[in-house]
């Protein structure tokens, strides 16, 4: 049976979806925009700041479900501009350690609220 995961430490969903869903031992974390859950806005227009905020939001949802970044097996990173890949990757690399999760990263036409990045993860216990 699927279990909803919700925390006030990450932004509320801006549509008909859950922050996270646990199915068995697998946790699916919805794409996290760089919205500061305390203020409701982006920390800045800087890709590094936005990547950090997105990953902090992911971390809050992982924690609420009893997981952490070491449990992440797959990530998807959506970028507004692929030229930001290096700066995003520098921040991203500080949240994960070997063995690194599998990952897809690509540029999209536009992200909600004109974000520069959105990150989703799958974690397994």
PDB file of N, CA and C in Angstrom:
ATOM      1  N   UNK A   1       0.842  -1.186   0.000  1.00  0.00           N
ATOM      2  CA  UNK A   1       0.000   0.000   0.000  1.00  0.00           C
ATOM      3  C   UNK A   1       0.885   1.247   0.000  1.00  0.00           C
ATOM      4  N   UNK A   2       0.548   2.206  -0.818  1.00  0.00           N
ATOM      5  CA  UNK A   2       1.324   3.432  -0.903  1.00  0.00           C
ATOM      6  C   UNK A   2       1.058   4.321   0.303  1.00  0.00           C
ATOM      7  N   UNK A   3       2.139   4.961   0.784  1.00  0.00           N
ATOM      8  CA  UNK A   3       2.030   5.843   1.939  1.00  0.00           C
ATOM      9  C   UNK A   3       2.508   7.239   1.546  1.00  0.00           C
ATOM     10  N   UNK A   4       1.682   8.247   1.818  1.00  0.00           N
ATOM     11  CA  UNK A   4       2.029   9.636   1.561  1.00  0.00           C
ATOM     12  C   UNK A   4       3.114  10.092   2.538  1.00  0.00           C
ATOM     13  N   UNK A   5       4.064  10.846   2.030  1.00  0.00           N
ATOM     14  CA  UNK A   5       5.094  11.456   2.873  1.00  0.00           C
ATOM     15  C   UNK A   5       4.939  12.962   2.749  1.00  0.00           C
ATOM     16  N   UNK A   6       4.825  13.638   3.883  1.00  0.00           N
ATOM     17  CA  UNK A   6       4.662  15.088   3.896  1.00  0.00           C
ATOM     18  C   UNK A   6       5.456  15.675   5.056  1.00  0.00           C
ATOM     19  N   UNK A   7       6.076  16.810   4.807  1.00  0.00           N
ATOM     20  CA  UNK A   7       6.756  17.559   5.854  1.00  0.00           C
ATOM     21  C   UNK A   7       6.573  19.049   5.618  1.00  0.00           C
ATOM     22  N   UNK A   8       6.446  19.799   6.695  1.00  0.00           N
ATOM     23  CA  UNK A   8       6.387  21.264   6.614  1.00  0.00           C
ATOM     24  C   UNK A   8       7.763  21.848   6.274  1.00  0.00           C
ATOM     25  N   UNK A   9       8.811  21.018   6.344  1.00  0.00           N
ATOM     26  CA  UNK A   9      10.171  21.478   6.079  1.00  0.00           C
ATOM     27  C   UNK A   9      10.518  21.503   4.594  1.00  0.00           C
ATOM     28  N   UNK A  10       9.545  21.202   3.751  1.00  0.00           N
ATOM     29  CA  UNK A  10       9.698  21.307   2.299  1.00  0.00           C
ATOM     30  C   UNK A  10       8.452  22.018   1.776  1.00  0.00           C
ATOM     31  N   UNK A  11       8.545  22.621   0.599  1.00  0.00           N
ATOM     32  CA  UNK A  11       7.385  23.345   0.068  1.00  0.00           C
ATOM     33  C   UNK A  11       6.194  22.421  -0.139  1.00  0.00           C
ATOM     34  N   UNK A  12       5.015  22.944   0.093  1.00  0.00           N
ATOM     35  CA  UNK A  12       3.796  22.193  -0.204  1.00  0.00           C
ATOM     36  C   UNK A  12       3.708  21.999  -1.715  1.00  0.00           C
ATOM     37  N   UNK A  13       3.069  20.930  -2.134  1.00  0.00           N
ATOM     38  CA  UNK A  13       2.878  20.669  -3.554  1.00  0.00           C
ATOM     39  C   UNK A  13       2.098  21.820  -4.183  1.00  0.00           C
ATOM     40  N   UNK A  14       2.473  22.196  -5.393  1.00  0.00           N
ATOM     41  CA  UNK A  14       1.772  23.280  -6.088  1.00  0.00           C
ATOM     42  C   UNK A  14       0.803  22.718  -7.125  1.00  0.00           C
ATOM     43  N   UNK A  15       0.442  21.460  -6.946  1.00  0.00           N
ATOM     44  CA  UNK A  15      -0.502  20.802  -7.848  1.00  0.00           C
ATOM     45  C   UNK A  15      -1.002  19.529  -7.198  1.00  0.00           C
ATOM     46  N   UNK A  16      -1.710  18.707  -7.959  1.00  0.00           N
ATOM     47  CA  UNK A  16      -2.267  17.467  -7.412  1.00  0.00           C
ATOM     48  C   UNK A  16      -1.234  16.339  -7.378  1.00  0.00           C
ATOM     49  N   UNK A  17      -0.263  16.471  -6.495  1.00  0.00           N
ATOM     50  CA  UNK A  17       0.754  15.438  -6.306  1.00  0.00           C
ATOM     51  C   UNK A  17       1.246  15.491  -4.867  1.00  0.00           C
ATOM     52  N   UNK A  18       1.953  14.463  -4.458  1.00  0.00           N
ATOM     53  CA  UNK A  18       2.509  14.370  -3.102  1.00  0.00           C
ATOM     54  C   UNK A  18       3.966  14.777  -3.113  1.00  0.00           C
ATOM     55  N   UNK A  19       4.452  15.273  -1.971  1.00  0.00           N
ATOM     56  CA  UNK A  19       5.889  15.542  -1.846  1.00  0.00           C
ATOM     57  C   UNK A  19       6.656  14.246  -2.074  1.00  0.00           C
ATOM     58  N   UNK A  20       6.152  13.176  -1.499  1.00  0.00           N
ATOM     59  CA  UNK A  20       6.773  11.870  -1.656  1.00  0.00           C
ATOM     60  C   UNK A  20       5.755  10.772  -1.440  1.00  0.00           C
ATOM     61  N   UNK A  21       6.031   9.623  -2.033  1.00  0.00           N
ATOM     62  CA  UNK A  21       5.201   8.434  -1.859  1.00  0.00           C
ATOM     63  C   UNK A  21       6.133   7.258  -1.579  1.00  0.00           C
ATOM     64  N   UNK A  22       5.819   6.535  -0.505  1.00  0.00           N
ATOM     65  CA  UNK A  22       6.569   5.323  -0.201  1.00  0.00           C
ATOM     66  C   UNK A  22       5.734   4.133  -0.644  1.00  0.00           C
ATOM     67  N   UNK A  23       6.329   3.286  -1.451  1.00  0.00           N
ATOM     68  CA  UNK A  23       5.720   2.036  -1.871  1.00  0.00           C
ATOM     69  C   UNK A  23       6.653   0.914  -1.466  1.00  0.00           C
ATOM     70  N   UNK A  24       6.298   0.189  -0.426  1.00  0.00           N
ATOM     71  CA  UNK A  24       7.205  -0.836   0.094  1.00  0.00           C
ATOM     72  C   UNK A  24       8.444  -0.172   0.661  1.00  0.00           C
ATOM     73  N   UNK A  25       9.613  -0.597   0.201  1.00  0.00           N
ATOM     74  CA  UNK A  25      10.869  -0.025   0.696  1.00  0.00           C
ATOM     75  C   UNK A  25      11.394   1.095  -0.196  1.00  0.00           C
ATOM     76  N   UNK A  26      10.616   1.455  -1.220  1.00  0.00           N
ATOM     77  CA  UNK A  26      11.040   2.479  -2.171  1.00  0.00           C
ATOM     78  C   UNK A  26      10.306   3.787  -1.911  1.00  0.00           C
ATOM     79  N   UNK A  27      11.071   4.875  -1.908  1.00  0.00           N
ATOM     80  CA  UNK A  27      10.518   6.213  -1.731  1.00  0.00           C
ATOM     81  C   UNK A  27      10.721   7.003  -3.015  1.00  0.00           C
ATOM     82  N   UNK A  28       9.641   7.580  -3.515  1.00  0.00           N
ATOM     83  CA  UNK A  28       9.671   8.422  -4.701  1.00  0.00           C
ATOM     84  C   UNK A  28       9.432   9.859  -4.256  1.00  0.00           C
ATOM     85  N   UNK A  29      10.426  10.711  -4.443  1.00  0.00           N
ATOM     86  CA  UNK A  29      10.316  12.119  -4.059  1.00  0.00           C
ATOM     87  C   UNK A  29      10.032  12.935  -5.315  1.00  0.00           C
ATOM     88  N   UNK A  30       8.921  13.650  -5.294  1.00  0.00           N
ATOM     89  CA  UNK A  30       8.545  14.487  -6.430  1.00  0.00           C
ATOM     90  C   UNK A  30       9.610  15.545  -6.690  1.00  0.00           C
ATOM     91  N   UNK A  31       9.641  16.033  -7.918  1.00  0.00           N
ATOM     92  CA  UNK A  31      10.582  17.082  -8.279  1.00  0.00           C
ATOM     93  C   UNK A  31      10.462  18.266  -7.339  1.00  0.00           C
ATOM     94  N   UNK A  32      11.600  18.677  -6.802  1.00  0.00           N
ATOM     95  CA  UNK A  32      11.626  19.778  -5.846  1.00  0.00           C
ATOM     96  C   UNK A  32      12.209  21.024  -6.490  1.00  0.00           C
ATOM     97  N   UNK A  33      11.393  22.060  -6.511  1.00  0.00           N
ATOM     98  CA  UNK A  33      11.849  23.369  -6.948  1.00  0.00           C
ATOM     99  C   UNK A  33      12.640  24.011  -5.815  1.00  0.00           C
ATOM    100  N   UNK A  34      13.400  25.035  -6.113  1.00  0.00           N
ATOM    101  CA  UNK A  34      14.209  25.699  -5.085  1.00  0.00           C
ATOM    102  C   UNK A  34      13.409  26.711  -4.262  1.00  0.00           C
ATOM    103  N   UNK A  35      12.246  26.317  -3.808  1.00  0.00           N
ATOM    104  CA  UNK A  35      11.396  27.200  -3.006  1.00  0.00           C
ATOM    105  C   UNK A  35      11.744  27.027  -1.535  1.00  0.00           C
ATOM    106  N   UNK A  36      12.077  28.117  -0.889  1.00  0.00           N
ATOM    107  CA  UNK A  36      12.336  28.083   0.545  1.00  0.00           C
ATOM    108  C   UNK A  36      10.992  27.872   1.245  1.00  0.00           C
ATOM    109  N   UNK A  37      10.832  26.768   1.999  1.00  0.00           N
ATOM    110  CA  UNK A  37       9.533  26.501   2.623  1.00  0.00           C
ATOM    111  C   UNK A  37       9.130  27.534   3.672  1.00  0.00           C
ATOM    112  N   UNK A  38      10.090  28.282   4.190  1.00  0.00           N
ATOM    113  CA  UNK A  38       9.785  29.306   5.205  1.00  0.00           C
ATOM    114  C   UNK A  38       9.267  30.597   4.573  1.00  0.00           C
ATOM    115  N   UNK A  39       9.803  30.937   3.387  1.00  0.00           N
ATOM    116  CA  UNK A  39       9.445  32.212   2.761  1.00  0.00           C
ATOM    117  C   UNK A  39       8.548  32.052   1.537  1.00  0.00           C
ATOM    118  N   UNK A  40       8.577  30.869   0.916  1.00  0.00           N
ATOM    119  CA  UNK A  40       7.784  30.633  -0.280  1.00  0.00           C
ATOM    120  C   UNK A  40       8.400  31.186  -1.555  1.00  0.00           C
ATOM    121  N   UNK A  41       9.664  31.617  -1.488  1.00  0.00           N
ATOM    122  CA  UNK A  41      10.331  32.168  -2.671  1.00  0.00           C
ATOM    123  C   UNK A  41      11.684  31.482  -2.873  1.00  0.00           C
ATOM    124  N   UNK A  42      12.264  31.719  -4.043  1.00  0.00           N
ATOM    125  CA  UNK A  42      13.601  31.200  -4.334  1.00  0.00           C
ATOM    126  C   UNK A  42      14.627  31.948  -3.492  1.00  0.00           C
ATOM    127  N   UNK A  43      15.729  31.276  -3.114  1.00  0.00           N
ATOM    128  CA  UNK A  43      16.754  31.961  -2.320  1.00  0.00           C
ATOM    129  C   UNK A  43      17.449  33.076  -3.107  1.00  0.00           C
ATOM    130  N   UNK A  44      17.561  32.888  -4.428  1.00  0.00           N
ATOM    131  CA  UNK A  44      18.158  33.889  -5.314  1.00  0.00           C
ATOM    132  C   UNK A  44      17.924  33.415  -6.743  1.00  0.00           C
ATOM    133  N   UNK A  45      18.497  34.122  -7.695  1.00  0.00           N
ATOM    134  CA  UNK A  45      18.418  33.730  -9.097  1.00  0.00           C
ATOM    135  C   UNK A  45      19.657  32.941  -9.513  1.00  0.00           C
ATOM    136  N   UNK A  46      20.519  32.616  -8.563  1.00  0.00           N
ATOM    137  CA  UNK A  46      21.788  31.928  -8.792  1.00  0.00           C
ATOM    138  C   UNK A  46      21.572  30.419  -8.835  1.00  0.00           C
ATOM    139  N   UNK A  47      22.119  29.743  -9.843  1.00  0.00           N
ATOM    140  CA  UNK A  47      21.925  28.297  -9.987  1.00  0.00           C
ATOM    141  C   UNK A  47      22.480  27.523  -8.792  1.00  0.00           C
ATOM    142  N   UNK A  48      23.593  27.934  -8.230  1.00  0.00           N
ATOM    143  CA  UNK A  48      24.156  27.227  -7.075  1.00  0.00           C
ATOM    144  C   UNK A  48      23.211  27.320  -5.876  1.00  0.00           C
ATOM    145  N   UNK A  49      22.691  28.510  -5.600  1.00  0.00           N
ATOM    146  CA  UNK A  49      21.745  28.688  -4.493  1.00  0.00           C
ATOM    147  C   UNK A  49      20.458  27.897  -4.726  1.00  0.00           C
ATOM    148  N   UNK A  50      20.000  27.903  -5.969  1.00  0.00           N
ATOM    149  CA  UNK A  50      18.766  27.181  -6.274  1.00  0.00           C
ATOM    150  C   UNK A  50      18.969  25.664  -6.180  1.00  0.00           C
ATOM    151  N   UNK A  51      20.118  25.181  -6.624  1.00  0.00           N
ATOM    152  CA  UNK A  51      20.409  23.747  -6.509  1.00  0.00           C
ATOM    153  C   UNK A  51      20.452  23.336  -5.051  1.00  0.00           C
ATOM    154  N   UNK A  52      21.123  24.119  -4.228  1.00  0.00           N
ATOM    155  CA  UNK A  52      21.205  23.817  -2.790  1.00  0.00           C
ATOM    156  C   UNK A  52      19.809  23.775  -2.168  1.00  0.00           C
ATOM    157  N   UNK A  53      18.954  24.735  -2.492  1.00  0.00           N
ATOM    158  CA  UNK A  53      17.614  24.772  -1.916  1.00  0.00           C
ATOM    159  C   UNK A  53      16.797  23.571  -2.372  1.00  0.00           C
ATOM    160  N   UNK A  54      16.883  23.224  -3.655  1.00  0.00           N
ATOM    161  CA  UNK A  54      16.167  22.046  -4.154  1.00  0.00           C
ATOM    162  C   UNK A  54      16.612  20.795  -3.401  1.00  0.00           C
ATOM    163  N   UNK A  55      17.915  20.653  -3.203  1.00  0.00           N
ATOM    164  CA  UNK A  55      18.427  19.473  -2.503  1.00  0.00           C
ATOM    165  C   UNK A  55      18.103  19.501  -1.017  1.00  0.00           C
ATOM    166  N   UNK A  56      18.043  20.668  -0.419  1.00  0.00           N
ATOM    167  CA  UNK A  56      17.608  20.759   0.981  1.00  0.00           C
ATOM    168  C   UNK A  56      16.152  20.306   1.103  1.00  0.00           C
ATOM    169  N   UNK A  57      15.332  20.669   0.130  1.00  0.00           N
ATOM    170  CA  UNK A  57      13.940  20.236   0.125  1.00  0.00           C
ATOM    171  C   UNK A  57      13.842  18.722  -0.050  1.00  0.00           C
ATOM    172  N   UNK A  58      14.638  18.173  -0.955  1.00  0.00           N
ATOM    173  CA  UNK A  58      14.693  16.719  -1.129  1.00  0.00           C
ATOM    174  C   UNK A  58      15.092  16.066   0.194  1.00  0.00           C
ATOM    175  N   UNK A  59      16.121  16.618   0.829  1.00  0.00           N
ATOM    176  CA  UNK A  59      16.606  16.058   2.095  1.00  0.00           C
ATOM    177  C   UNK A  59      15.550  16.079   3.191  1.00  0.00           C
ATOM    178  N   UNK A  60      14.750  17.122   3.237  1.00  0.00           N
ATOM    179  CA  UNK A  60      13.689  17.217   4.249  1.00  0.00           C
ATOM    180  C   UNK A  60      12.642  16.124   4.046  1.00  0.00           C
ATOM    181  N   UNK A  61      12.325  15.841   2.796  1.00  0.00           N
ATOM    182  CA  UNK A  61      11.342  14.800   2.501  1.00  0.00           C
ATOM    183  C   UNK A  61      11.933  13.425   2.793  1.00  0.00           C
ATOM    184  N   UNK A  62      13.187  13.220   2.399  1.00  0.00           N
ATOM    185  CA  UNK A  62      13.859  11.960   2.737  1.00  0.00           C
ATOM    186  C   UNK A  62      13.817  11.727   4.243  1.00  0.00           C
ATOM    187  N   UNK A  63      14.191  12.749   5.007  1.00  0.00           N
ATOM    188  CA  UNK A  63      14.229  12.642   6.465  1.00  0.00           C
ATOM    189  C   UNK A  63      12.848  12.331   7.042  1.00  0.00           C
ATOM    190  N   UNK A  64      11.820  12.986   6.523  1.00  0.00           N
ATOM    191  CA  UNK A  64      10.459  12.770   7.022  1.00  0.00           C
ATOM    192  C   UNK A  64      10.025  11.319   6.849  1.00  0.00           C
ATOM    193  N   UNK A  65      10.598  10.645   5.838  1.00  0.00           N
ATOM    194  CA  UNK A  65      10.244   9.254   5.568  1.00  0.00           C
ATOM    195  C   UNK A  65      11.210   8.276   6.221  1.00  0.00           C
ATOM    196  N   UNK A  66      12.239   8.795   6.919  1.00  0.00           N
ATOM    197  CA  UNK A  66      13.220   7.924   7.555  1.00  0.00           C
ATOM    198  C   UNK A  66      14.343   7.481   6.628  1.00  0.00           C
ATOM    199  N   UNK A  67      14.576   8.249   5.568  1.00  0.00           N
ATOM    200  CA  UNK A  67      15.639   7.962   4.609  1.00  0.00           C
ATOM    201  C   UNK A  67      16.669   9.087   4.681  1.00  0.00           C
ATOM    202  N   UNK A  68      17.784   8.913   3.962  1.00  0.00           N
ATOM    203  CA  UNK A  68      18.747  10.000   3.802  1.00  0.00           C
ATOM    204  C   UNK A  68      19.374   9.906   2.416  1.00  0.00           C
ATOM    205  N   UNK A  69      20.290  10.800   2.110  1.00  0.00           N
ATOM    206  CA  UNK A  69      20.888  10.844   0.780  1.00  0.00           C
ATOM    207  C   UNK A  69      21.633   9.561   0.432  1.00  0.00           C
ATOM    208  N   UNK A  70      22.116   8.819   1.424  1.00  0.00           N
ATOM    209  CA  UNK A  70      22.803   7.556   1.149  1.00  0.00           C
ATOM    210  C   UNK A  70      21.857   6.493   0.610  1.00  0.00           C
ATOM    211  N   UNK A  71      20.553   6.674   0.793  1.00  0.00           N
ATOM    212  CA  UNK A  71      19.559   5.721   0.303  1.00  0.00           C
ATOM    213  C   UNK A  71      19.112   6.019  -1.121  1.00  0.00           C
ATOM    214  N   UNK A  72      19.526   7.141  -1.675  1.00  0.00           N
ATOM    215  CA  UNK A  72      19.094   7.547  -3.015  1.00  0.00           C
ATOM    216  C   UNK A  72      19.802   6.694  -4.067  1.00  0.00           C
ATOM    217  N   UNK A  73      18.997   6.100  -4.965  1.00  0.00           N
ATOM    218  CA  UNK A  73      19.553   5.249  -6.022  1.00  0.00           C
ATOM    219  C   UNK A  73      19.439   5.883  -7.403  1.00  0.00           C
ATOM    220  N   UNK A  74      18.557   6.877  -7.568  1.00  0.00           N
ATOM    221  CA  UNK A  74      18.354   7.506  -8.872  1.00  0.00           C
ATOM    222  C   UNK A  74      17.908   8.943  -8.689  1.00  0.00           C
ATOM    223  N   UNK A  75      18.453   9.832  -9.480  1.00  0.00           N
ATOM    224  CA  UNK A  75      18.024  11.223  -9.470  1.00  0.00           C
ATOM    225  C   UNK A  75      17.737  11.676 -10.900  1.00  0.00           C
ATOM    226  N   UNK A  76      16.884  12.673 -10.993  1.00  0.00           N
ATOM    227  CA  UNK A  76      16.660  13.360 -12.262  1.00  0.00           C
ATOM    228  C   UNK A  76      16.788  14.849 -11.982  1.00  0.00           C
ATOM    229  N   UNK A  77      17.633  15.504 -12.761  1.00  0.00           N
ATOM    230  CA  UNK A  77      17.864  16.939 -12.606  1.00  0.00           C
ATOM    231  C   UNK A  77      17.389  17.629 -13.878  1.00  0.00           C
ATOM    232  N   UNK A  78      16.436  18.522 -13.716  1.00  0.00           N
ATOM    233  CA  UNK A  78      15.920  19.310 -14.831  1.00  0.00           C
ATOM    234  C   UNK A  78      16.507  20.706 -14.742  1.00  0.00           C
ATOM    235  N   UNK A  79      17.110  21.163 -15.814  1.00  0.00           N
ATOM    236  CA  UNK A  79      17.752  22.476 -15.840  1.00  0.00           C
ATOM    237  C   UNK A  79      17.071  23.383 -16.856  1.00  0.00           C
ATOM    238  N   UNK A  80      16.917  24.631 -16.486  1.00  0.00           N
ATOM    239  CA  UNK A  80      16.397  25.639 -17.391  1.00  0.00           C
ATOM    240  C   UNK A  80      17.415  25.935 -18.496  1.00  0.00           C
ATOM    241  N   UNK A  81      18.703  25.790 -18.175  1.00  0.00           N
ATOM    242  CA  UNK A  81      19.783  26.085 -19.119  1.00  0.00           C
ATOM    243  C   UNK A  81      20.911  25.089 -18.884  1.00  0.00           C
ATOM    244  N   UNK A  82      21.214  24.250 -19.852  1.00  0.00           N
ATOM    245  CA  UNK A  82      22.247  23.220 -19.702  1.00  0.00           C
ATOM    246  C   UNK A  82      23.621  23.844 -19.437  1.00  0.00           C
ATOM    247  N   UNK A  83      23.789  25.128 -19.753  1.00  0.00           N
ATOM    248  CA  UNK A  83      25.048  25.802 -19.458  1.00  0.00           C
ATOM    249  C   UNK A  83      25.289  25.894 -17.944  1.00  0.00           C
ATOM    250  N   UNK A  84      24.229  25.710 -17.147  1.00  0.00           N
ATOM    251  CA  UNK A  84      24.349  25.723 -15.687  1.00  0.00           C
ATOM    252  C   UNK A  84      24.773  24.369 -15.110  1.00  0.00           C
ATOM    253  N   UNK A  85      25.009  23.382 -15.984  1.00  0.00           N
ATOM    254  CA  UNK A  85      25.311  22.029 -15.529  1.00  0.00           C
ATOM    255  C   UNK A  85      26.504  21.987 -14.575  1.00  0.00           C
ATOM    256  N   UNK A  86      27.588  22.647 -14.917  1.00  0.00           N
ATOM    257  CA  UNK A  86      28.796  22.612 -14.083  1.00  0.00           C
ATOM    258  C   UNK A  86      28.564  23.187 -12.694  1.00  0.00           C
ATOM    259  N   UNK A  87      27.914  24.329 -12.624  1.00  0.00           N
ATOM    260  CA  UNK A  87      27.646  24.960 -11.331  1.00  0.00           C
ATOM    261  C   UNK A  87      26.669  24.123 -10.509  1.00  0.00           C
ATOM    262  N   UNK A  88      25.660  23.556 -11.170  1.00  0.00           N
ATOM    263  CA  UNK A  88      24.729  22.660 -10.474  1.00  0.00           C
ATOM    264  C   UNK A  88      25.477  21.447  -9.951  1.00  0.00           C
ATOM    265  N   UNK A  89      26.305  20.858 -10.788  1.00  0.00           N
ATOM    266  CA  UNK A  89      27.026  19.639 -10.448  1.00  0.00           C
ATOM    267  C   UNK A  89      27.963  19.844  -9.257  1.00  0.00           C
ATOM    268  N   UNK A  90      28.553  21.018  -9.154  1.00  0.00           N
ATOM    269  CA  UNK A  90      29.455  21.315  -8.034  1.00  0.00           C
ATOM    270  C   UNK A  90      28.706  21.257  -6.705  1.00  0.00           C
ATOM    271  N   UNK A  91      27.501  21.793  -6.674  1.00  0.00           N
ATOM    272  CA  UNK A  91      26.685  21.751  -5.449  1.00  0.00           C
ATOM    273  C   UNK A  91      26.140  20.344  -5.239  1.00  0.00           C
ATOM    274  N   UNK A  92      25.603  19.749  -6.281  1.00  0.00           N
ATOM    275  CA  UNK A  92      25.024  18.403  -6.231  1.00  0.00           C
ATOM    276  C   UNK A  92      26.016  17.411  -5.622  1.00  0.00           C
ATOM    277  N   UNK A  93      27.267  17.503  -6.035  1.00  0.00           N
ATOM    278  CA  UNK A  93      28.302  16.580  -5.572  1.00  0.00           C
ATOM    279  C   UNK A  93      28.566  16.635  -4.078  1.00  0.00           C
ATOM    280  N   UNK A  94      28.177  17.705  -3.425  1.00  0.00           N
ATOM    281  CA  UNK A  94      28.393  17.801  -1.978  1.00  0.00           C
ATOM    282  C   UNK A  94      27.318  17.061  -1.183  1.00  0.00           C
ATOM    283  N   UNK A  95      26.247  16.627  -1.840  1.00  0.00           N
ATOM    284  CA  UNK A  95      25.143  15.946  -1.157  1.00  0.00           C
ATOM    285  C   UNK A  95      25.221  14.420  -1.276  1.00  0.00           C
ATOM    286  N   UNK A  96      26.041  13.915  -2.191  1.00  0.00           N
ATOM    287  CA  UNK A  96      26.113  12.479  -2.445  1.00  0.00           C
ATOM    288  C   UNK A  96      27.539  11.988  -2.321  1.00  0.00           C
ATOM    289  N   UNK A  97      27.673  10.709  -1.985  1.00  0.00           N
ATOM    290  CA  UNK A  97      28.995  10.086  -1.923  1.00  0.00           C
ATOM    291  C   UNK A  97      28.941   8.755  -2.666  1.00  0.00           C
ATOM    292  N   UNK A  98      30.096   8.174  -2.910  1.00  0.00           N
ATOM    293  CA  UNK A  98      30.166   6.907  -3.639  1.00  0.00           C
ATOM    294  C   UNK A  98      29.545   5.788  -2.822  1.00  0.00           C
ATOM    295  N   UNK A  99      28.860   4.865  -3.449  1.00  0.00           N
ATOM    296  CA  UNK A  99      28.541   4.864  -4.874  1.00  0.00           C
ATOM    297  C   UNK A  99      27.443   5.887  -5.175  1.00  0.00           C
ATOM    298  N   UNK A 100      27.720   6.744  -6.127  1.00  0.00           N
ATOM    299  CA  UNK A 100      26.774   7.794  -6.479  1.00  0.00           C
ATOM    300  C   UNK A 100      25.513   7.192  -7.093  1.00  0.00           C
ATOM    301  N   UNK A 101      24.373   7.851  -6.888  1.00  0.00           N
ATOM    302  CA  UNK A 101      23.155   7.354  -7.530  1.00  0.00           C
ATOM    303  C   UNK A 101      23.227   7.510  -9.047  1.00  0.00           C
ATOM    304  N   UNK A 102      22.466   6.694  -9.745  1.00  0.00           N
ATOM    305  CA  UNK A 102      22.307   6.890 -11.184  1.00  0.00           C
ATOM    306  C   UNK A 102      21.623   8.244 -11.374  1.00  0.00           C
ATOM    307  N   UNK A 103      21.869   8.878 -12.529  1.00  0.00           N
ATOM    308  CA  UNK A 103      21.302  10.213 -12.713  1.00  0.00           C
ATOM    309  C   UNK A 103      21.051  10.507 -14.177  1.00  0.00           C
ATOM    310  N   UNK A 104      20.004  11.259 -14.411  1.00  0.00           N
ATOM    311  CA  UNK A 104      19.760  11.888 -15.708  1.00  0.00           C
ATOM    312  C   UNK A 104      19.703  13.381 -15.442  1.00  0.00           C
ATOM    313  N   UNK A 105      20.305  14.164 -16.327  1.00  0.00           N
ATOM    314  CA  UNK A 105      20.271  15.625 -16.203  1.00  0.00           C
ATOM    315  C   UNK A 105      20.105  16.191 -17.605  1.00  0.00           C
ATOM    316  N   UNK A 106      19.115  17.055 -17.758  1.00  0.00           N
ATOM    317  CA  UNK A 106      18.907  17.626 -19.078  1.00  0.00           C
ATOM    318  C   UNK A 106      18.195  18.965 -19.003  1.00  0.00           C
ATOM    319  N   UNK A 107      18.308  19.704 -20.112  1.00  0.00           N
ATOM    320  CA  UNK A 107      17.649  21.004 -20.231  1.00  0.00           C
ATOM    321  C   UNK A 107      16.205  20.798 -20.673  1.00  0.00           C
ATOM    322  N   UNK A 108      15.330  21.589 -20.083  1.00  0.00           N
ATOM    323  CA  UNK A 108      13.915  21.558 -20.457  1.00  0.00           C
ATOM    324  C   UNK A 108      13.511  22.933 -20.981  1.00  0.00           C
ATOM    325  N   UNK A 109      12.361  23.000 -21.614  1.00  0.00           N
ATOM    326  CA  UNK A 109      11.888  24.268 -22.178  1.00  0.00           C
ATOM    327  C   UNK A 109      11.632  25.329 -21.133  1.00  0.00           C
ATOM    328  N   UNK A 110      11.016  24.933 -20.024  1.00  0.00           N
ATOM    329  CA  UNK A 110      10.684  25.884 -18.963  1.00  0.00           C
ATOM    330  C   UNK A 110      10.303  25.087 -17.727  1.00  0.00           C
ATOM    331  N   UNK A 111      10.663  25.602 -16.570  1.00  0.00           N
ATOM    332  CA  UNK A 111      10.308  24.977 -15.304  1.00  0.00           C
ATOM    333  C   UNK A 111       9.245  25.816 -14.593  1.00  0.00           C
ATOM    334  N   UNK A 112       8.437  25.197 -13.727  1.00  0.00           N
ATOM    335  CA  UNK A 112       7.436  25.969 -12.992  1.00  0.00           C
ATOM    336  C   UNK A 112       8.069  27.145 -12.249  1.00  0.00           C
ATOM    337  N   UNK A 113       7.335  28.236 -12.215  1.00  0.00           N
ATOM    338  CA  UNK A 113       7.737  29.456 -11.521  1.00  0.00           C
ATOM    339  C   UNK A 113       9.060  30.025 -12.045  1.00  0.00           C
ATOM    340  N   UNK A 114       9.449  29.628 -13.251  1.00  0.00           N
ATOM    341  CA  UNK A 114      10.703  30.076 -13.880  1.00  0.00           C
ATOM    342  C   UNK A 114      11.944  29.688 -13.076  1.00  0.00           C
ATOM    343  N   UNK A 115      11.884  28.546 -12.391  1.00  0.00           N
ATOM    344  CA  UNK A 115      13.046  28.041 -11.645  1.00  0.00           C
ATOM    345  C   UNK A 115      14.168  27.695 -12.609  1.00  0.00           C
ATOM    346  N   UNK A 116      15.382  27.678 -12.089  1.00  0.00           N
ATOM    347  CA  UNK A 116      16.538  27.276 -12.871  1.00  0.00           C
ATOM    348  C   UNK A 116      16.784  25.773 -12.782  1.00  0.00           C
ATOM    349  N   UNK A 117      16.230  25.119 -11.728  1.00  0.00           N
ATOM    350  CA  UNK A 117      16.490  23.696 -11.508  1.00  0.00           C
ATOM    351  C   UNK A 117      15.312  23.055 -10.778  1.00  0.00           C
ATOM    352  N   UNK A 118      15.108  21.785 -11.044  1.00  0.00           N
ATOM    353  CA  UNK A 118      14.157  20.952 -10.309  1.00  0.00           C
ATOM    354  C   UNK A 118      14.794  19.579 -10.179  1.00  0.00           C
ATOM    355  N   UNK A 119      14.720  18.979  -8.995  1.00  0.00           N
ATOM    356  CA  UNK A 119      15.380  17.698  -8.748  1.00  0.00           C
ATOM    357  C   UNK A 119      14.406  16.726  -8.110  1.00  0.00           C
ATOM    358  N   UNK A 120      14.332  15.510  -8.690  1.00  0.00           N
ATOM    359  CA  UNK A 120      13.539  14.438  -8.099  1.00  0.00           C
ATOM    360  C   UNK A 120      14.467  13.274  -7.800  1.00  0.00           C
ATOM    361  N   UNK A 121      14.084  12.437  -6.823  1.00  0.00           N
ATOM    362  CA  UNK A 121      14.918  11.294  -6.480  1.00  0.00           C
ATOM    363  C   UNK A 121      14.059  10.067  -6.183  1.00  0.00           C
ATOM    364  N   UNK A 122      14.698   8.919  -6.283  1.00  0.00           N
ATOM    365  CA  UNK A 122      14.143   7.643  -5.854  1.00  0.00           C
ATOM    366  C   UNK A 122      15.129   7.076  -4.843  1.00  0.00           C
ATOM    367  N   UNK A 123      14.611   6.656  -3.693  1.00  0.00           N
ATOM    368  CA  UNK A 123      15.458   6.093  -2.628  1.00  0.00           C
ATOM    369  C   UNK A 123      14.924   4.720  -2.225  1.00  0.00           C
ATOM    370  N   UNK A 124      15.834   3.851  -1.814  1.00  0.00           N
ATOM    371  CA  UNK A 124      15.455   2.501  -1.398  1.00  0.00           C
ATOM    372  C   UNK A 124      16.161   2.176  -0.097  1.00  0.00           C
ATOM    373  N   UNK A 125      15.418   1.576   0.832  1.00  0.00           N
ATOM    374  CA  UNK A 125      15.989   1.101   2.101  1.00  0.00           C
ATOM    375  C   UNK A 125      16.317  -0.355   1.963  1.00  0.00           C
TER     376      UNK A 125
END
